[in-house]
Protein backbone atom coordinates (compact mmCIF):
# COMPACT_ATOMS: atom_id res chain seq x y z
CA MET A 1 -0.91 11.52 -6.22
CA VAL A 2 -2.35 7.90 -4.92
CA SER A 3 -0.80 6.49 -1.91
CA ALA A 4 3.27 4.39 -3.64
CA LEU A 5 6.17 3.30 -2.68
CA ASP A 6 8.33 6.05 -1.35
CA PRO A 7 11.52 5.93 -3.23
CA SER A 8 13.35 8.12 -1.14
CA GLU A 9 12.08 6.60 1.88
CA LEU A 10 13.20 3.03 0.73
CA ARG A 11 17.18 4.57 -0.04
CA ALA A 12 17.19 6.13 3.21
CA ALA A 13 16.16 2.98 5.14
CA ARG A 14 18.43 0.65 3.10
CA GLU A 15 21.64 2.60 3.83
CA LYS A 16 20.44 3.29 7.26
CA ALA A 17 20.48 -0.10 7.53
CA GLY A 18 24.11 -0.36 6.04
CA LEU A 19 22.50 -2.73 3.18
CA THR A 20 23.66 -2.25 -0.37
CA GLN A 21 21.35 -2.57 -2.80
CA HIS A 22 22.37 -6.35 -3.58
CA GLU A 23 22.12 -7.41 -0.20
CA LEU A 24 18.54 -5.80 0.05
CA ALA A 25 17.70 -7.93 -3.30
CA ARG A 26 19.13 -10.71 -1.47
CA LEU A 27 17.46 -10.65 1.71
CA VAL A 28 13.58 -10.07 -0.26
CA GLY A 29 14.16 -12.53 -3.01
CA ALA A 30 14.03 -9.72 -5.59
CA ALA A 31 16.31 -10.63 -9.16
CA GLY A 32 19.17 -8.43 -7.93
CA GLY A 33 20.39 -4.99 -6.91
CA GLU A 34 19.41 -3.37 -10.34
CA ARG A 35 15.79 -4.13 -9.31
CA VAL A 36 16.31 -2.38 -6.21
CA SER A 37 17.71 0.55 -7.95
CA ARG A 38 14.54 1.17 -9.95
CA TRP A 39 12.73 1.06 -6.65
CA GLU A 40 14.79 3.54 -5.61
CA LEU A 41 14.80 5.59 -8.62
CA GLY A 42 10.70 5.37 -8.55
CA THR A 43 11.39 3.97 -12.11
CA SER A 44 10.00 0.80 -10.98
CA VAL A 45 7.55 0.12 -8.49
CA PRO A 46 7.27 -3.44 -6.40
CA ARG A 47 4.37 -5.62 -5.86
CA PRO A 48 2.83 -5.48 -2.69
CA ASP A 49 4.30 -8.42 -1.15
CA PHE A 50 7.71 -6.78 -1.38
CA LEU A 51 6.83 -4.13 -0.01
CA VAL A 52 6.20 -6.43 3.34
CA ARG A 53 9.61 -8.11 3.04
CA LEU A 54 11.45 -5.05 2.27
CA ALA A 55 10.08 -3.45 6.02
CA ARG A 56 10.73 -6.61 7.26
CA ALA A 57 14.40 -6.47 6.04
CA LEU A 58 15.05 -3.14 6.99
CA ASP A 59 13.26 -3.88 10.25
CA ILE A 60 10.67 -0.87 9.64
CA PRO A 61 6.90 -0.69 9.53
CA THR A 62 5.63 -1.56 6.38
CA LEU A 63 3.60 2.43 6.34
CA ARG A 64 6.92 3.91 6.23
CA LEU A 65 7.74 3.09 2.44
CA ILE A 66 4.37 3.92 1.79
CA HIS A 67 3.96 7.70 0.47
CA ILE A 68 0.74 8.84 1.79
CA ASP A 69 -1.25 11.64 0.33
CA GLY A 70 -2.83 13.36 2.71
CA GLU A 71 -3.09 12.95 6.56
CA MET A 72 -4.13 9.50 6.90
CA PRO A 73 -3.85 5.92 5.09
CA ASP A 74 -6.38 6.03 2.32
CA LEU A 75 -7.23 2.34 1.38
CA ARG A 76 -4.58 1.79 -0.96
CA ALA A 77 -1.90 2.47 2.03
CA LEU A 78 -3.88 0.03 3.70
CA ARG A 79 -3.93 -2.80 1.05
CA LEU A 80 -0.13 -1.95 0.11
CA GLN A 81 1.10 -2.25 3.76
CA ALA A 82 -0.84 -5.35 4.33
CA GLY A 83 0.90 -6.83 1.22
CA LEU A 84 -2.32 -7.44 -0.88
CA THR A 85 -3.13 -7.17 -4.76
CA VAL A 86 -6.40 -5.69 -5.61
CA PRO A 87 -7.53 -9.39 -6.35
CA ARG A 88 -6.37 -10.77 -3.62
CA LEU A 89 -7.99 -8.53 -1.04
CA ALA A 90 -11.48 -8.80 -3.40
CA ALA A 91 -11.52 -12.26 -3.08
CA ALA A 92 -10.92 -12.26 0.44
CA VAL A 93 -13.62 -9.45 0.68
CA ASN A 94 -15.99 -11.54 -1.16
CA VAL A 95 -16.36 -8.62 -4.37
CA ALA A 96 -15.66 -8.44 -8.18
CA VAL A 97 -12.11 -6.94 -8.87
CA PRO A 98 -13.99 -3.27 -9.89
CA THR A 99 -16.33 -2.73 -6.96
CA TYR A 100 -12.85 -2.92 -4.94
CA TYR A 101 -10.99 -0.57 -7.24
CA ALA A 102 -13.91 1.77 -6.99
CA TRP A 103 -13.91 1.79 -3.66
CA GLU A 104 -10.12 2.38 -3.22
CA GLN A 105 -10.20 5.23 -6.21
CA GLY A 106 -13.23 7.31 -4.01
CA ARG A 107 -15.81 6.27 -6.24
CA TRP A 108 -18.84 4.54 -3.90
CA ALA A 109 -22.08 6.53 -2.50
CA ARG A 110 -22.45 4.65 0.87
CA LEU A 111 -20.05 2.63 2.92
CA PRO A 112 -20.12 -1.45 1.81
CA ALA A 113 -22.36 -3.55 4.51
CA SER A 114 -21.16 -3.96 7.62
CA LYS A 115 -20.05 -7.85 6.73
CA GLN A 116 -17.64 -6.76 3.41
CA LEU A 117 -16.20 -4.07 6.28
CA ASP A 118 -15.82 -6.87 8.76
CA LYS A 119 -13.77 -8.89 6.46
CA LEU A 120 -11.84 -5.82 4.75
CA ALA A 121 -10.66 -4.90 8.54
CA LEU A 122 -9.96 -8.29 8.67
CA ALA A 123 -8.30 -8.98 5.49
CA LEU A 124 -5.68 -5.46 6.18
CA GLY A 125 -5.17 -6.54 9.49
CA GLN A 126 -6.84 -2.97 10.88
CA PRO A 127 -9.42 -1.76 12.89
CA LEU A 128 -12.86 -1.21 11.71
CA ASP A 129 -12.24 2.49 12.64
CA VAL A 130 -9.23 2.67 10.59
CA VAL A 131 -10.70 0.99 7.72
CA ASP A 132 -13.74 3.43 7.70
CA ALA A 133 -11.31 6.53 8.27
CA ALA A 134 -9.22 5.21 5.23
CA PHE A 135 -12.59 4.85 2.69
CA HIS A 136 -13.15 8.23 3.32
CA GLU A 137 -9.88 9.27 2.67
CA ALA A 138 -9.86 7.88 -0.72
CA GLN A 139 -13.01 9.55 -1.30
CA ARG A 140 -11.52 12.91 -0.72
CA GLN A 141 -8.60 12.41 -2.68
CA ARG A 142 -10.37 12.09 -5.83
CA ALA A 143 -12.81 15.22 -4.77
CA ARG A 144 -9.47 16.83 -4.18
CA GLY A 145 -8.40 15.78 -7.72
CA THR A 146 -11.28 16.60 -9.47
CA GLU A 147 -11.32 20.25 -7.91
CA LYS A 148 -7.61 20.60 -9.59
């Protein structure tokens, strides 16, 4: 499983905050409580920018709303935490979208050039060592997925 929204964590955080689905939807600018309901049921996934809005509205770290498959966040988790779409992040790093997808999916033979890593760390708001670890985590998850 790749990093994604954790529906049960969203529901637990909303309930702990004492908010209804409609109230949370209003706070984050979503179309209505039905949308929050679908996110909590796992039948729909919010855009990355909504993950950041949800975390702010619930006063929790964004990473808490993201299920991480492994011991540490992969590139996708860091991107979601930053509230960025793949095209937006690829543009910030000045790489093609398919290149970034390959990184996120662990399909790379060597790390990107240091300039690209620096840009990626800046765009994600993370230290370089965290980004480096996320690259390796993505590759580890890919290898684990092919073993099954």
